[in-house]
Amino acid sequence: MTASLERKLIRWVHILLSIPVVGYIYGPVAQIPNAAAAVKWVFFPIIVLSGFWLWKGYWFKKKYKNLVK
């Protein structure tokens, strides 16, 4: 997988999973228990991790390569 394709995929995952968070903040998602739990425990952590990967992915890859050696 090329670096540009990786960034595009992670960016779209980041954007698409942010939609339920917006619904949680501004919409009725917070009143639906299963949806609220999904936003809190699934979507939000994935959004945070994908954001870190988009921001510092090269750093994580470099540290991983040094760790594996």
PDB file of N, CA and C in Angstrom:
ATOM      1  N   MET A   1       0.850  -1.167   0.000  1.00  0.00           N
ATOM      2  CA  MET A   1       0.000   0.000   0.000  1.00  0.00           C
ATOM      3  C   MET A   1       0.900   1.235   0.000  1.00  0.00           C
ATOM      4  N   THR A   2       0.611   2.139  -0.893  1.00  0.00           N
ATOM      5  CA  THR A   2       1.412   3.355  -0.964  1.00  0.00           C
ATOM      6  C   THR A   2       1.035   4.295   0.176  1.00  0.00           C
ATOM      7  N   ALA A   3       1.920   5.226   0.455  1.00  0.00           N
ATOM      8  CA  ALA A   3       1.690   6.161   1.555  1.00  0.00           C
ATOM      9  C   ALA A   3       0.475   7.044   1.291  1.00  0.00           C
ATOM     10  N   SER A   4       0.293   7.467   0.046  1.00  0.00           N
ATOM     11  CA  SER A   4      -0.851   8.336  -0.249  1.00  0.00           C
ATOM     12  C   SER A   4      -2.170   7.581  -0.111  1.00  0.00           C
ATOM     13  N   LEU A   5      -2.210   6.327  -0.531  1.00  0.00           N
ATOM     14  CA  LEU A   5      -3.429   5.530  -0.375  1.00  0.00           C
ATOM     15  C   LEU A   5      -3.724   5.281   1.102  1.00  0.00           C
ATOM     16  N   GLU A   6      -2.690   5.022   1.873  1.00  0.00           N
ATOM     17  CA  GLU A   6      -2.861   4.821   3.314  1.00  0.00           C
ATOM     18  C   GLU A   6      -3.448   6.064   3.969  1.00  0.00           C
ATOM     19  N   ARG A   7      -2.911   7.235   3.632  1.00  0.00           N
ATOM     20  CA  ARG A   7      -3.425   8.486   4.193  1.00  0.00           C
ATOM     21  C   ARG A   7      -4.870   8.721   3.793  1.00  0.00           C
ATOM     22  N   LYS A   8      -5.201   8.452   2.528  1.00  0.00           N
ATOM     23  CA  LYS A   8      -6.579   8.647   2.068  1.00  0.00           C
ATOM     24  C   LYS A   8      -7.549   7.745   2.818  1.00  0.00           C
ATOM     25  N   LEU A   9      -7.190   6.476   2.975  1.00  0.00           N
ATOM     26  CA  LEU A   9      -8.066   5.544   3.681  1.00  0.00           C
ATOM     27  C   LEU A   9      -8.255   5.944   5.139  1.00  0.00           C
ATOM     28  N   ILE A  10      -7.167   6.270   5.797  1.00  0.00           N
ATOM     29  CA  ILE A  10      -7.259   6.654   7.207  1.00  0.00           C
ATOM     30  C   ILE A  10      -8.020   7.962   7.353  1.00  0.00           C
ATOM     31  N   ARG A  11      -7.817   8.890   6.432  1.00  0.00           N
ATOM     32  CA  ARG A  11      -8.543  10.159   6.483  1.00  0.00           C
ATOM     33  C   ARG A  11     -10.044   9.936   6.349  1.00  0.00           C
ATOM     34  N   TRP A  12     -10.459   9.056   5.420  1.00  0.00           N
ATOM     35  CA  TRP A  12     -11.889   8.793   5.238  1.00  0.00           C
ATOM     36  C   TRP A  12     -12.482   8.058   6.431  1.00  0.00           C
ATOM     37  N   VAL A  13     -11.744   7.139   7.006  1.00  0.00           N
ATOM     38  CA  VAL A  13     -12.216   6.483   8.234  1.00  0.00           C
ATOM     39  C   VAL A  13     -12.395   7.522   9.326  1.00  0.00           C
ATOM     40  N   HIS A  14     -11.431   8.415   9.460  1.00  0.00           N
ATOM     41  CA  HIS A  14     -11.478   9.476  10.460  1.00  0.00           C
ATOM     42  C   HIS A  14     -12.709  10.366  10.252  1.00  0.00           C
ATOM     43  N   ILE A  15     -12.953  10.762   9.022  1.00  0.00           N
ATOM     44  CA  ILE A  15     -14.088  11.643   8.720  1.00  0.00           C
ATOM     45  C   ILE A  15     -15.418  10.922   8.924  1.00  0.00           C
ATOM     46  N   LEU A  16     -15.543   9.709   8.407  1.00  0.00           N
ATOM     47  CA  LEU A  16     -16.819   8.993   8.495  1.00  0.00           C
ATOM     48  C   LEU A  16     -17.177   8.618   9.930  1.00  0.00           C
ATOM     49  N   LEU A  17     -16.199   8.256  10.731  1.00  0.00           N
ATOM     50  CA  LEU A  17     -16.499   7.918  12.120  1.00  0.00           C
ATOM     51  C   LEU A  17     -16.726   9.154  12.985  1.00  0.00           C
ATOM     52  N   SER A  18     -16.404  10.332  12.467  1.00  0.00           N
ATOM     53  CA  SER A  18     -16.682  11.565  13.201  1.00  0.00           C
ATOM     54  C   SER A  18     -18.149  11.961  13.122  1.00  0.00           C
ATOM     55  N   ILE A  19     -18.860  11.462  12.136  1.00  0.00           N
ATOM     56  CA  ILE A  19     -20.276  11.814  11.977  1.00  0.00           C
ATOM     57  C   ILE A  19     -21.102  11.387  13.192  1.00  0.00           C
ATOM     58  N   PRO A  20     -20.965  10.154  13.708  1.00  0.00           N
ATOM     59  CA  PRO A  20     -21.733   9.810  14.913  1.00  0.00           C
ATOM     60  C   PRO A  20     -21.354  10.647  16.137  1.00  0.00           C
ATOM     61  N   VAL A  21     -20.117  11.102  16.213  1.00  0.00           N
ATOM     62  CA  VAL A  21     -19.716  11.948  17.338  1.00  0.00           C
ATOM     63  C   VAL A  21     -20.437  13.289  17.266  1.00  0.00           C
ATOM     64  N   VAL A  22     -20.570  13.826  16.059  1.00  0.00           N
ATOM     65  CA  VAL A  22     -21.333  15.068  15.886  1.00  0.00           C
ATOM     66  C   VAL A  22     -22.786  14.835  16.291  1.00  0.00           C
ATOM     67  N   GLY A  23     -23.345  13.688  15.917  1.00  0.00           N
ATOM     68  CA  GLY A  23     -24.703  13.345  16.334  1.00  0.00           C
ATOM     69  C   GLY A  23     -24.812  13.185  17.835  1.00  0.00           C
ATOM     70  N   TYR A  24     -23.772  12.688  18.466  1.00  0.00           N
ATOM     71  CA  TYR A  24     -23.765  12.539  19.921  1.00  0.00           C
ATOM     72  C   TYR A  24     -23.777  13.905  20.599  1.00  0.00           C
ATOM     73  N   ILE A  25     -23.027  14.845  20.054  1.00  0.00           N
ATOM     74  CA  ILE A  25     -22.928  16.171  20.668  1.00  0.00           C
ATOM     75  C   ILE A  25     -24.164  17.013  20.377  1.00  0.00           C
ATOM     76  N   TYR A  26     -24.596  17.062  19.119  1.00  0.00           N
ATOM     77  CA  TYR A  26     -25.656  17.978  18.717  1.00  0.00           C
ATOM     78  C   TYR A  26     -27.006  17.311  18.495  1.00  0.00           C
ATOM     79  N   GLY A  27     -27.059  16.008  18.473  1.00  0.00           N
ATOM     80  CA  GLY A  27     -28.302  15.328  18.142  1.00  0.00           C
ATOM     81  C   GLY A  27     -28.794  14.430  19.257  1.00  0.00           C
ATOM     82  N   PRO A  28     -29.695  13.541  18.902  1.00  0.00           N
ATOM     83  CA  PRO A  28     -30.318  12.680  19.908  1.00  0.00           C
ATOM     84  C   PRO A  28     -29.544  11.394  20.205  1.00  0.00           C
ATOM     85  N   VAL A  29     -28.356  11.251  19.679  1.00  0.00           N
ATOM     86  CA  VAL A  29     -27.609  10.001  19.855  1.00  0.00           C
ATOM     87  C   VAL A  29     -27.280   9.755  21.325  1.00  0.00           C
ATOM     88  N   ALA A  30     -27.086  10.800  22.099  1.00  0.00           N
ATOM     89  CA  ALA A  30     -26.733  10.643  23.511  1.00  0.00           C
ATOM     90  C   ALA A  30     -27.856   9.995  24.312  1.00  0.00           C
ATOM     91  N   GLN A  31     -29.109  10.109  23.850  1.00  0.00           N
ATOM     92  CA  GLN A  31     -30.230   9.514  24.572  1.00  0.00           C
ATOM     93  C   GLN A  31     -30.463   8.049  24.197  1.00  0.00           C
ATOM     94  N   ILE A  32     -29.801   7.537  23.181  1.00  0.00           N
ATOM     95  CA  ILE A  32     -29.946   6.144  22.768  1.00  0.00           C
ATOM     96  C   ILE A  32     -28.778   5.372  23.389  1.00  0.00           C
ATOM     97  N   PRO A  33     -29.047   4.503  24.372  1.00  0.00           N
ATOM     98  CA  PRO A  33     -27.941   3.882  25.128  1.00  0.00           C
ATOM     99  C   PRO A  33     -26.943   3.094  24.274  1.00  0.00           C
ATOM    100  N   ASN A  34     -27.420   2.277  23.357  1.00  0.00           N
ATOM    101  CA  ASN A  34     -26.487   1.488  22.540  1.00  0.00           C
ATOM    102  C   ASN A  34     -25.651   2.379  21.628  1.00  0.00           C
ATOM    103  N   ALA A  35     -26.279   3.382  21.049  1.00  0.00           N
ATOM    104  CA  ALA A  35     -25.551   4.296  20.169  1.00  0.00           C
ATOM    105  C   ALA A  35     -24.546   5.129  20.961  1.00  0.00           C
ATOM    106  N   ALA A  36     -24.941   5.572  22.148  1.00  0.00           N
ATOM    107  CA  ALA A  36     -24.025   6.356  22.976  1.00  0.00           C
ATOM    108  C   ALA A  36     -22.812   5.523  23.381  1.00  0.00           C
ATOM    109  N   ALA A  37     -23.041   4.266  23.725  1.00  0.00           N
ATOM    110  CA  ALA A  37     -21.920   3.392  24.093  1.00  0.00           C
ATOM    111  C   ALA A  37     -21.001   3.154  22.901  1.00  0.00           C
ATOM    112  N   ALA A  38     -21.576   2.987  21.717  1.00  0.00           N
ATOM    113  CA  ALA A  38     -20.755   2.782  20.519  1.00  0.00           C
ATOM    114  C   ALA A  38     -19.897   4.008  20.234  1.00  0.00           C
ATOM    115  N   VAL A  39     -20.479   5.186  20.396  1.00  0.00           N
ATOM    116  CA  VAL A  39     -19.711   6.415  20.150  1.00  0.00           C
ATOM    117  C   VAL A  39     -18.584   6.540  21.165  1.00  0.00           C
ATOM    118  N   LYS A  40     -18.893   6.290  22.433  1.00  0.00           N
ATOM    119  CA  LYS A  40     -17.891   6.460  23.487  1.00  0.00           C
ATOM    120  C   LYS A  40     -16.773   5.426  23.424  1.00  0.00           C
ATOM    121  N   TRP A  41     -17.116   4.168  23.169  1.00  0.00           N
ATOM    122  CA  TRP A  41     -16.151   3.088  23.337  1.00  0.00           C
ATOM    123  C   TRP A  41     -15.602   2.516  22.039  1.00  0.00           C
ATOM    124  N   VAL A  42     -16.188   2.874  20.892  1.00  0.00           N
ATOM    125  CA  VAL A  42     -15.692   2.353  19.618  1.00  0.00           C
ATOM    126  C   VAL A  42     -15.253   3.493  18.702  1.00  0.00           C
ATOM    127  N   PHE A  43     -16.195   4.364  18.349  1.00  0.00           N
ATOM    128  CA  PHE A  43     -15.907   5.391  17.351  1.00  0.00           C
ATOM    129  C   PHE A  43     -14.874   6.403  17.832  1.00  0.00           C
ATOM    130  N   PHE A  44     -15.054   6.931  19.038  1.00  0.00           N
ATOM    131  CA  PHE A  44     -14.143   7.973  19.511  1.00  0.00           C
ATOM    132  C   PHE A  44     -12.699   7.480  19.647  1.00  0.00           C
ATOM    133  N   PRO A  45     -12.445   6.299  20.240  1.00  0.00           N
ATOM    134  CA  PRO A  45     -11.044   5.833  20.283  1.00  0.00           C
ATOM    135  C   PRO A  45     -10.431   5.616  18.899  1.00  0.00           C
ATOM    136  N   ILE A  46     -11.225   5.122  17.946  1.00  0.00           N
ATOM    137  CA  ILE A  46     -10.701   4.946  16.588  1.00  0.00           C
ATOM    138  C   ILE A  46     -10.385   6.300  15.960  1.00  0.00           C
ATOM    139  N   ILE A  47     -11.220   7.294  16.217  1.00  0.00           N
ATOM    140  CA  ILE A  47     -10.969   8.643  15.697  1.00  0.00           C
ATOM    141  C   ILE A  47      -9.670   9.201  16.281  1.00  0.00           C
ATOM    142  N   VAL A  48      -9.473   9.019  17.574  1.00  0.00           N
ATOM    143  CA  VAL A  48      -8.248   9.513  18.216  1.00  0.00           C
ATOM    144  C   VAL A  48      -7.016   8.813  17.640  1.00  0.00           C
ATOM    145  N   LEU A  49      -7.077   7.490  17.523  1.00  0.00           N
ATOM    146  CA  LEU A  49      -5.932   6.750  16.984  1.00  0.00           C
ATOM    147  C   LEU A  49      -5.653   7.100  15.526  1.00  0.00           C
ATOM    148  N   SER A  50      -6.705   7.255  14.731  1.00  0.00           N
ATOM    149  CA  SER A  50      -6.476   7.623  13.330  1.00  0.00           C
ATOM    150  C   SER A  50      -5.930   9.042  13.224  1.00  0.00           C
ATOM    151  N   GLY A  51      -6.357   9.927  14.105  1.00  0.00           N
ATOM    152  CA  GLY A  51      -5.800  11.281  14.119  1.00  0.00           C
ATOM    153  C   GLY A  51      -4.323  11.286  14.462  1.00  0.00           C
ATOM    154  N   PHE A  52      -3.952  10.494  15.478  1.00  0.00           N
ATOM    155  CA  PHE A  52      -2.533  10.376  15.808  1.00  0.00           C
ATOM    156  C   PHE A  52      -1.750   9.780  14.648  1.00  0.00           C
ATOM    157  N   TRP A  53      -2.337   8.787  13.976  1.00  0.00           N
ATOM    158  CA  TRP A  53      -1.640   8.148  12.860  1.00  0.00           C
ATOM    159  C   TRP A  53      -1.459   9.134  11.702  1.00  0.00           C
ATOM    160  N   LEU A  54      -2.473   9.960  11.435  1.00  0.00           N
ATOM    161  CA  LEU A  54      -2.342  10.960  10.374  1.00  0.00           C
ATOM    162  C   LEU A  54      -1.307  12.018  10.749  1.00  0.00           C
ATOM    163  N   TRP A  55      -1.254  12.364  12.026  1.00  0.00           N
ATOM    164  CA  TRP A  55      -0.360  13.415  12.486  1.00  0.00           C
ATOM    165  C   TRP A  55       1.075  12.910  12.634  1.00  0.00           C
ATOM    166  N   LYS A  56       1.247  11.773  13.303  1.00  0.00           N
ATOM    167  CA  LYS A  56       2.579  11.294  13.652  1.00  0.00           C
ATOM    168  C   LYS A  56       2.849   9.880  13.151  1.00  0.00           C
ATOM    169  N   GLY A  57       2.239   9.484  12.051  1.00  0.00           N
ATOM    170  CA  GLY A  57       2.413   8.131  11.541  1.00  0.00           C
ATOM    171  C   GLY A  57       3.853   7.793  11.215  1.00  0.00           C
ATOM    172  N   TYR A  58       4.560   8.744  10.627  1.00  0.00           N
ATOM    173  CA  TYR A  58       5.965   8.502  10.288  1.00  0.00           C
ATOM    174  C   TYR A  58       6.786   8.236  11.542  1.00  0.00           C
ATOM    175  N   TRP A  59       6.483   8.935  12.630  1.00  0.00           N
ATOM    176  CA  TRP A  59       7.208   8.762  13.884  1.00  0.00           C
ATOM    177  C   TRP A  59       6.946   7.372  14.469  1.00  0.00           C
ATOM    178  N   PHE A  60       5.669   6.946  14.453  1.00  0.00           N
ATOM    179  CA  PHE A  60       5.324   5.609  14.951  1.00  0.00           C
ATOM    180  C   PHE A  60       6.009   4.523  14.126  1.00  0.00           C
ATOM    181  N   LYS A  61       6.022   4.698  12.812  1.00  0.00           N
ATOM    182  CA  LYS A  61       6.673   3.711  11.942  1.00  0.00           C
ATOM    183  C   LYS A  61       8.169   3.640  12.222  1.00  0.00           C
ATOM    184  N   LYS A  62       8.792   4.797  12.430  1.00  0.00           N
ATOM    185  CA  LYS A  62      10.223   4.838  12.713  1.00  0.00           C
ATOM    186  C   LYS A  62      10.528   4.146  14.041  1.00  0.00           C
ATOM    187  N   LYS A  63       9.723   4.411  15.055  1.00  0.00           N
ATOM    188  CA  LYS A  63       9.923   3.770  16.361  1.00  0.00           C
ATOM    189  C   LYS A  63       9.702   2.264  16.271  1.00  0.00           C
ATOM    190  N   TYR A  64       8.715   1.852  15.486  1.00  0.00           N
ATOM    191  CA  TYR A  64       8.437   0.426  15.328  1.00  0.00           C
ATOM    192  C   TYR A  64       9.593  -0.286  14.626  1.00  0.00           C
ATOM    193  N   LYS A  65      10.149   0.358  13.605  1.00  0.00           N
ATOM    194  CA  LYS A  65      11.290  -0.243  12.901  1.00  0.00           C
ATOM    195  C   LYS A  65      12.486  -0.393  13.831  1.00  0.00           C
ATOM    196  N   ASN A  66      12.733   0.610  14.673  1.00  0.00           N
ATOM    197  CA  ASN A  66      13.845   0.528  15.622  1.00  0.00           C
ATOM    198  C   ASN A  66      13.581  -0.527  16.688  1.00  0.00           C
ATOM    199  N   LEU A  67      12.334  -0.705  17.065  1.00  0.00           N
ATOM    200  CA  LEU A  67      11.975  -1.691  18.076  1.00  0.00           C
ATOM    201  C   LEU A  67      12.132  -3.112  17.552  1.00  0.00           C
ATOM    202  N   VAL A  68      11.800  -3.318  16.285  1.00  0.00           N
ATOM    203  CA  VAL A  68      11.867  -4.648  15.682  1.00  0.00           C
ATOM    204  C   VAL A  68      13.306  -5.086  15.454  1.00  0.00           C
ATOM    205  N   LYS A  69      14.194  -4.153  15.181  1.00  0.00           N
ATOM    206  CA  LYS A  69      15.604  -4.493  14.889  1.00  0.00           C
ATOM    207  C   LYS A  69      16.276  -5.205  16.006  1.00  0.00           C
TER     208      LYS A  69
END
